[in-house]
Protein backbone atom coordinates (compact mmCIF):
# COMPACT_ATOMS: atom_id res chain seq x y z
CA MET A 1 -14.90 86.65 209.27
CA ASN A 2 -14.56 82.92 209.83
CA ARG A 3 -14.79 82.35 206.07
CA PHE A 4 -12.01 84.87 205.47
CA LYS A 5 -9.69 83.10 207.92
CA LEU A 6 -10.40 79.78 206.28
CA THR A 7 -9.62 81.19 202.84
CA VAL A 8 -6.32 82.71 204.08
CA SER A 9 -5.38 79.42 205.74
CA LEU A 10 -6.11 77.46 202.57
CA ILE A 11 -4.07 79.84 200.43
CA SER A 12 -1.17 79.69 202.94
CA LEU A 13 -1.28 75.91 202.89
CA CYS A 14 -1.21 75.87 199.10
CA CYS A 15 1.79 78.21 199.07
CA VAL A 16 3.68 75.99 201.50
CA PHE A 17 2.88 72.93 199.39
CA LEU A 18 4.07 74.63 196.18
CA LEU A 19 7.24 75.74 197.90
CA ALA A 20 7.90 72.21 199.13
CA CYS A 21 7.38 70.87 195.60
CA ALA A 22 9.71 73.46 194.09
CA THR A 23 12.55 72.52 196.40
CA GLN A 24 12.35 68.88 195.20
CA VAL A 25 13.38 69.86 191.65
CA SER A 26 16.95 68.91 190.99
CA ALA A 27 19.07 71.07 188.71
CA ALA A 28 22.10 68.83 188.97
CA PRO A 29 23.47 67.67 185.67
CA SER A 30 22.62 64.12 184.71
CA SER A 31 25.08 61.39 183.94
CA ILE A 32 24.18 60.48 180.39
CA MET A 33 25.98 57.81 178.45
CA VAL A 34 25.60 57.76 174.70
CA SER A 35 25.60 54.48 172.83
CA SER A 36 27.75 54.22 169.76
CA ALA A 37 25.15 52.08 167.97
CA SER A 38 23.48 55.12 166.44
CA THR A 39 22.63 55.22 162.76
CA GLN A 40 21.72 58.91 163.08
CA PRO A 41 24.28 60.69 165.29
CA ASN A 42 22.63 64.13 164.85
CA LEU A 43 19.30 62.81 166.09
CA GLN A 44 21.04 61.14 169.00
CA GLN A 45 22.85 64.33 169.93
CA LEU A 46 19.56 66.26 169.79
CA ALA A 47 17.83 63.73 172.07
CA VAL A 48 20.70 63.71 174.58
CA LYS A 49 20.81 67.52 174.59
CA LYS A 50 17.06 67.75 175.26
CA LEU A 51 17.30 65.33 178.17
CA TYR A 52 20.49 66.75 179.61
CA ASN A 53 19.28 70.40 179.55
CA ASN A 54 16.05 69.61 181.41
CA PRO A 55 16.47 70.69 185.06
CA ASN A 56 13.54 68.49 186.13
CA LEU A 57 15.32 65.27 185.21
CA ASN A 58 17.84 63.56 187.47
CA LEU A 59 18.56 60.47 185.42
CA SER A 60 21.52 58.28 186.20
CA ALA A 61 23.41 56.25 183.61
CA LEU A 62 20.98 57.05 180.82
CA ASN A 63 21.78 55.19 177.60
CA VAL A 64 20.27 56.64 174.43
CA ILE A 65 20.28 54.33 171.39
CA VAL A 66 19.04 55.64 168.05
CA THR A 67 18.33 53.30 165.17
CA ASP A 68 16.77 54.91 162.09
CA ASN A 69 13.68 56.69 163.44
CA LYS A 70 13.52 54.71 166.72
CA ILE A 71 14.95 55.81 170.04
CA LYS A 72 15.55 53.43 172.96
CA LEU A 73 16.01 54.82 176.48
CA GLN A 74 17.74 52.69 179.09
CA GLY A 75 18.91 53.72 182.52
CA ILE A 76 17.61 54.59 185.97
CA ALA A 77 15.13 57.30 186.86
CA SER A 78 14.50 58.53 190.42
CA ASN A 79 10.75 58.00 190.10
CA GLY A 80 7.97 57.24 187.62
CA PHE A 81 7.41 60.94 186.91
CA GLU A 82 11.00 61.38 185.68
CA ARG A 83 10.73 58.22 183.58
CA ALA A 84 7.59 59.50 181.88
CA LEU A 85 8.95 63.05 181.55
CA ALA A 86 12.03 61.82 179.71
CA GLN A 87 9.82 60.12 177.13
CA LYS A 88 7.45 63.10 176.91
CA PHE A 89 10.35 65.44 176.17
CA LEU A 90 11.27 63.41 173.11
CA GLU A 91 7.80 62.70 171.74
CA ASN A 92 7.49 65.75 169.46
CA THR A 93 11.06 65.71 168.20
CA GLN A 94 11.29 65.75 164.41
CA GLY A 95 12.77 62.50 163.12
CA ILE A 96 11.75 60.37 166.08
CA GLU A 97 8.75 58.17 165.36
CA ILE A 98 9.12 55.41 167.96
CA ILE A 99 10.30 55.80 171.58
CA GLU A 100 11.03 52.62 173.51
CA ASN A 101 11.29 53.50 177.17
CA LYS A 102 13.14 50.71 178.98
CA MET A 103 14.22 52.88 181.91
CA LYS A 104 13.95 51.44 185.42
CA ILE A 105 12.92 53.26 188.60
CA ALA A 106 15.52 53.45 191.35
CA GLY A 107 14.77 51.04 194.18
CA GLU A 108 12.48 48.78 192.15
CA ASP A 109 13.57 45.35 190.96
């Protein structure tokens, strides 16, 4: 019986943790600025659309610069996870071979 109570307690704790994590996800639209220095506007539009439509990203003042097959991300991410996730979302996009992630994390110098 003691083992059963421990199992139920552990599962309850996990559920509370998952619920707390789920409430941290921001579905607010990001403020994305698009640079006009693009040599491939269609690729730039695709990259911006992928980042903008992701509800897990809360990026502020993101600047997406596309030059040939290279994408450069500049802006501010809320944390390191969002910074990495923005790059991960673009890694398997056809036409993008190089991703230069120059985004900064909010609160860091």
